Amino acid sequence: MRSSKMWMVFMCLTVSFFARIESLSVTVNDVECVYEYVLYEGDTVSGNFVVVDHDIFWSSDHPGIDFTVTTAAGNTVHSIKGTSGDKFSFKAPSHGMYKFCFHNPYSTPETVSFYIHVGHIPSEHDLAKDGKFCSIWTQLMLRSLSSERH
């Protein structure tokens, strides 16, 4: 019982560090774009995507899909050509609306499963130097343990 409460507290605190986590599937006929707002310059933008069932339906000569991320100003910050899926991560050079586009060179519709994570994930060093976080965590753990004893 104690470990489940500690795990729940830990997960709540961990999730609170993320600004947003989005997941979706899109059908790409030619070009499909998804938009996500980045609140702060320097936020970490990461995620991954995969073409669903590409291993079943694609022949060896399939060119794959292209993936491009552009800023609100139209600058390309990430680009991958001819793939069935990949991971991405970058620091946002500015705040604003980012555009995540998939290009399918074949006329056959492809379903892409796509995950976007936007936010600041603090490093262990950042957490260690933040005494308030450590004291809050300690207080929560002590309360959890003392409530189980009664």
C-alpha atoms as a PDB file:
ATOM      1  CA  MET A   1       0.000   0.000   0.000  1.00  0.00           C
ATOM      2  CA  ARG A   2       2.783   2.410   0.932  1.00  0.00           C
ATOM      3  CA  SER A   3       4.630   1.868  -2.324  1.00  0.00           C
ATOM      4  CA  SER A   4       1.480   2.501  -4.382  1.00  0.00           C
ATOM      5  CA  LYS A   5       0.917   5.874  -2.671  1.00  0.00           C
ATOM      6  CA  MET A   6       4.553   6.833  -3.138  1.00  0.00           C
ATOM      7  CA  TRP A   7       4.351   5.802  -6.801  1.00  0.00           C
ATOM      8  CA  MET A   8       1.205   7.906  -7.308  1.00  0.00           C
ATOM      9  CA  VAL A   9       2.818  10.977  -5.722  1.00  0.00           C
ATOM     10  CA  PHE A  10       5.935  10.475  -7.814  1.00  0.00           C
ATOM     11  CA  MET A  11       3.918  10.158 -11.043  1.00  0.00           C
ATOM     12  CA  CYS A  12       1.858  13.279 -10.274  1.00  0.00           C
ATOM     13  CA  LEU A  13       4.994  15.291  -9.658  1.00  0.00           C
ATOM     14  CA  THR A  14       6.672  13.912 -12.759  1.00  0.00           C
ATOM     15  CA  VAL A  15       3.694  14.646 -15.010  1.00  0.00           C
ATOM     16  CA  SER A  16       3.457  18.199 -13.640  1.00  0.00           C
ATOM     17  CA  PHE A  17       6.817  18.993 -15.267  1.00  0.00           C
ATOM     18  CA  PHE A  18       5.354  18.521 -18.732  1.00  0.00           C
ATOM     19  CA  ALA A  19       3.459  21.404 -20.292  1.00  0.00           C
ATOM     20  CA  ARG A  20       1.597  19.211 -22.782  1.00  0.00           C
ATOM     21  CA  ILE A  21       1.677  15.709 -24.152  1.00  0.00           C
ATOM     22  CA  GLU A  22      -0.351  15.085 -27.289  1.00  0.00           C
ATOM     23  CA  SER A  23      -0.903  11.906 -29.284  1.00  0.00           C
ATOM     24  CA  LEU A  24      -2.910  11.369 -32.423  1.00  0.00           C
ATOM     25  CA  SER A  25      -3.185   9.520 -35.693  1.00  0.00           C
ATOM     26  CA  VAL A  26      -3.425  11.229 -39.065  1.00  0.00           C
ATOM     27  CA  THR A  27      -4.140   9.852 -42.513  1.00  0.00           C
ATOM     28  CA  VAL A  28      -1.612  11.222 -44.985  1.00  0.00           C
ATOM     29  CA  ASN A  29      -2.715  11.282 -48.639  1.00  0.00           C
ATOM     30  CA  ASP A  30      -0.291  13.937 -49.867  1.00  0.00           C
ATOM     31  CA  VAL A  31       0.612  16.482 -47.164  1.00  0.00           C
ATOM     32  CA  GLU A  32      -0.921  16.631 -43.708  1.00  0.00           C
ATOM     33  CA  CYS A  33       0.137  19.099 -41.018  1.00  0.00           C
ATOM     34  CA  VAL A  34      -0.443  19.241 -37.285  1.00  0.00           C
ATOM     35  CA  TYR A  35       0.011  22.470 -35.315  1.00  0.00           C
ATOM     36  CA  GLU A  36       1.235  22.821 -31.746  1.00  0.00           C
ATOM     37  CA  TYR A  37       1.825  26.037 -29.797  1.00  0.00           C
ATOM     38  CA  VAL A  38       5.150  26.344 -27.957  1.00  0.00           C
ATOM     39  CA  LEU A  39       4.859  28.735 -25.019  1.00  0.00           C
ATOM     40  CA  TYR A  40       8.495  29.590 -24.368  1.00  0.00           C
ATOM     41  CA  GLU A  41      11.722  29.914 -26.304  1.00  0.00           C
ATOM     42  CA  GLY A  42      14.007  27.087 -25.224  1.00  0.00           C
ATOM     43  CA  ASP A  43      11.201  24.625 -24.457  1.00  0.00           C
ATOM     44  CA  THR A  44      12.035  21.045 -25.341  1.00  0.00           C
ATOM     45  CA  VAL A  45       9.946  19.733 -28.223  1.00  0.00           C
ATOM     46  CA  SER A  46      10.202  15.997 -28.724  1.00  0.00           C
ATOM     47  CA  GLY A  47       8.220  13.045 -29.931  1.00  0.00           C
ATOM     48  CA  ASN A  48       8.053  10.244 -32.411  1.00  0.00           C
ATOM     49  CA  PHE A  49       5.996   8.935 -35.280  1.00  0.00           C
ATOM     50  CA  VAL A  50       5.504   5.700 -37.163  1.00  0.00           C
ATOM     51  CA  VAL A  51       3.600   4.696 -40.279  1.00  0.00           C
ATOM     52  CA  VAL A  52       1.096   2.085 -39.099  1.00  0.00           C
ATOM     53  CA  ASP A  53       1.532  -1.350 -40.754  1.00  0.00           C
ATOM     54  CA  HIS A  54       4.361  -0.161 -43.013  1.00  0.00           C
ATOM     55  CA  ASP A  55       6.114  -3.493 -42.552  1.00  0.00           C
ATOM     56  CA  ILE A  56       3.083  -5.308 -44.028  1.00  0.00           C
ATOM     57  CA  PHE A  57       2.064  -3.040 -46.911  1.00  0.00           C
ATOM     58  CA  TRP A  58       5.279  -1.383 -48.121  1.00  0.00           C
ATOM     59  CA  SER A  59       7.461  -3.011 -50.725  1.00  0.00           C
ATOM     60  CA  SER A  60      11.234  -2.619 -50.584  1.00  0.00           C
ATOM     61  CA  ASP A  61      11.143   0.209 -53.162  1.00  0.00           C
ATOM     62  CA  HIS A  62       8.683   2.395 -51.164  1.00  0.00           C
ATOM     63  CA  PRO A  63      10.244   5.855 -50.731  1.00  0.00           C
ATOM     64  CA  GLY A  64       8.881   6.358 -47.206  1.00  0.00           C
ATOM     65  CA  ILE A  65       7.368   9.572 -45.911  1.00  0.00           C
ATOM     66  CA  ASP A  66       8.969  12.934 -45.217  1.00  0.00           C
ATOM     67  CA  PHE A  67       8.600  14.817 -41.930  1.00  0.00           C
ATOM     68  CA  THR A  68       9.314  18.529 -41.458  1.00  0.00           C
ATOM     69  CA  VAL A  69       8.905  20.869 -38.486  1.00  0.00           C
ATOM     70  CA  THR A  70       8.800  24.634 -39.036  1.00  0.00           C
ATOM     71  CA  THR A  71       8.524  27.602 -36.669  1.00  0.00           C
ATOM     72  CA  ALA A  72       5.871  30.303 -36.826  1.00  0.00           C
ATOM     73  CA  ALA A  73       8.358  32.343 -38.895  1.00  0.00           C
ATOM     74  CA  GLY A  74       8.659  29.488 -41.415  1.00  0.00           C
ATOM     75  CA  ASN A  75      12.166  28.341 -40.444  1.00  0.00           C
ATOM     76  CA  THR A  76      12.772  24.588 -40.647  1.00  0.00           C
ATOM     77  CA  VAL A  77      13.980  23.252 -37.290  1.00  0.00           C
ATOM     78  CA  HIS A  78      13.799  19.525 -38.052  1.00  0.00           C
ATOM     79  CA  SER A  79      13.524  17.451 -41.224  1.00  0.00           C
ATOM     80  CA  ILE A  80      13.619  13.724 -42.006  1.00  0.00           C
ATOM     81  CA  LYS A  81      13.282  12.297 -45.521  1.00  0.00           C
ATOM     82  CA  GLY A  82      12.067   8.883 -46.682  1.00  0.00           C
ATOM     83  CA  THR A  83      11.336   7.019 -43.465  1.00  0.00           C
ATOM     84  CA  SER A  84       8.713   4.749 -41.932  1.00  0.00           C
ATOM     85  CA  GLY A  85       9.115   6.464 -38.549  1.00  0.00           C
ATOM     86  CA  ASP A  86      11.593   8.162 -36.264  1.00  0.00           C
ATOM     87  CA  LYS A  87      12.137  10.111 -33.045  1.00  0.00           C
ATOM     88  CA  PHE A  88      12.813  13.835 -32.869  1.00  0.00           C
ATOM     89  CA  SER A  89      13.899  16.339 -30.260  1.00  0.00           C
ATOM     90  CA  PHE A  90      14.967  19.967 -30.381  1.00  0.00           C
ATOM     91  CA  LYS A  91      15.018  23.155 -28.307  1.00  0.00           C
ATOM     92  CA  ALA A  92      12.471  25.633 -29.603  1.00  0.00           C
ATOM     93  CA  PRO A  93      14.331  28.652 -31.008  1.00  0.00           C
ATOM     94  CA  SER A  94      11.264  30.830 -30.356  1.00  0.00           C
ATOM     95  CA  HIS A  95       7.742  30.669 -28.976  1.00  0.00           C
ATOM     96  CA  GLY A  96       4.768  30.447 -31.284  1.00  0.00           C
ATOM     97  CA  MET A  97       2.835  28.033 -33.458  1.00  0.00           C
ATOM     98  CA  TYR A  98       4.948  25.164 -34.817  1.00  0.00           C
ATOM     99  CA  LYS A  99       3.907  23.166 -37.860  1.00  0.00           C
ATOM    100  CA  PHE A 100       4.608  19.401 -38.044  1.00  0.00           C
ATOM    101  CA  CYS A 101       4.090  18.172 -41.617  1.00  0.00           C
ATOM    102  CA  PHE A 102       4.080  14.707 -43.173  1.00  0.00           C
ATOM    103  CA  HIS A 103       4.487  14.253 -46.924  1.00  0.00           C
ATOM    104  CA  ASN A 104       3.481  10.980 -48.571  1.00  0.00           C
ATOM    105  CA  PRO A 105       4.805  10.724 -52.171  1.00  0.00           C
ATOM    106  CA  TYR A 106       2.462   7.799 -52.992  1.00  0.00           C
ATOM    107  CA  SER A 107      -1.239   8.268 -53.657  1.00  0.00           C
ATOM    108  CA  THR A 108      -2.045   5.408 -51.256  1.00  0.00           C
ATOM    109  CA  PRO A 109      -3.224   6.850 -47.919  1.00  0.00           C
ATOM    110  CA  GLU A 110      -0.951   6.067 -44.973  1.00  0.00           C
ATOM    111  CA  THR A 111      -1.918   6.270 -41.295  1.00  0.00           C
ATOM    112  CA  VAL A 112       0.721   7.873 -39.097  1.00  0.00           C
ATOM    113  CA  SER A 113       0.698   7.547 -35.316  1.00  0.00           C
ATOM    114  CA  PHE A 114       2.272  10.700 -33.886  1.00  0.00           C
ATOM    115  CA  TYR A 115       3.291  11.852 -30.385  1.00  0.00           C
ATOM    116  CA  ILE A 116       4.335  15.406 -29.446  1.00  0.00           C
ATOM    117  CA  HIS A 117       5.804  16.447 -26.090  1.00  0.00           C
ATOM    118  CA  VAL A 118       6.271  20.151 -25.397  1.00  0.00           C
ATOM    119  CA  GLY A 119       7.699  21.540 -22.181  1.00  0.00           C
ATOM    120  CA  HIS A 120      10.649  21.923 -19.917  1.00  0.00           C
ATOM    121  CA  ILE A 121      11.972  18.759 -18.325  1.00  0.00           C
ATOM    122  CA  PRO A 122      14.316  19.706 -15.495  1.00  0.00           C
ATOM    123  CA  SER A 123      17.614  17.895 -15.165  1.00  0.00           C
ATOM    124  CA  GLU A 124      18.705  16.166 -11.958  1.00  0.00           C
ATOM    125  CA  HIS A 125      21.070  19.077 -11.354  1.00  0.00           C
ATOM    126  CA  ASP A 126      18.170  21.571 -11.554  1.00  0.00           C
ATOM    127  CA  LEU A 127      16.131  19.519  -9.093  1.00  0.00           C
ATOM    128  CA  ALA A 128      19.016  19.092  -6.657  1.00  0.00           C
ATOM    129  CA  LYS A 129      19.690  22.812  -6.417  1.00  0.00           C
ATOM    130  CA  ASP A 130      16.004  23.608  -5.848  1.00  0.00           C
ATOM    131  CA  GLY A 131      15.670  23.210  -2.090  1.00  0.00           C
ATOM    132  CA  LYS A 132      11.944  23.909  -2.187  1.00  0.00           C
ATOM    133  CA  PHE A 133      11.290  20.901  -4.398  1.00  0.00           C
ATOM    134  CA  CYS A 134      13.291  18.633  -2.102  1.00  0.00           C
ATOM    135  CA  SER A 135      11.518  19.876   1.011  1.00  0.00           C
ATOM    136  CA  ILE A 136       8.063  19.519  -0.582  1.00  0.00           C
ATOM    137  CA  TRP A 137       8.912  15.997  -1.714  1.00  0.00           C
ATOM    138  CA  THR A 138      10.157  15.125   1.789  1.00  0.00           C
ATOM    139  CA  GLN A 139       6.995  16.533   3.389  1.00  0.00           C
ATOM    140  CA  LEU A 140       4.752  14.566   1.030  1.00  0.00           C
ATOM    141  CA  MET A 141       6.610  11.343   1.712  1.00  0.00           C
ATOM    142  CA  LEU A 142       6.510  11.857   5.493  1.00  0.00           C
ATOM    143  CA  ARG A 143       2.764  12.597   5.409  1.00  0.00           C
ATOM    144  CA  SER A 144       2.156   9.525   3.294  1.00  0.00           C
ATOM    145  CA  LEU A 145       4.119   7.298   5.648  1.00  0.00           C
ATOM    146  CA  SER A 146       2.546   8.706   8.813  1.00  0.00           C
ATOM    147  CA  SER A 147      -1.011   8.360   7.451  1.00  0.00           C
ATOM    148  CA  GLU A 148      -0.405   4.664   6.755  1.00  0.00           C
ATOM    149  CA  ARG A 149       0.643   4.035  10.351  1.00  0.00           C
ATOM    150  CA  HIS A 150      -2.677   5.345  11.715  1.00  0.00           C
END
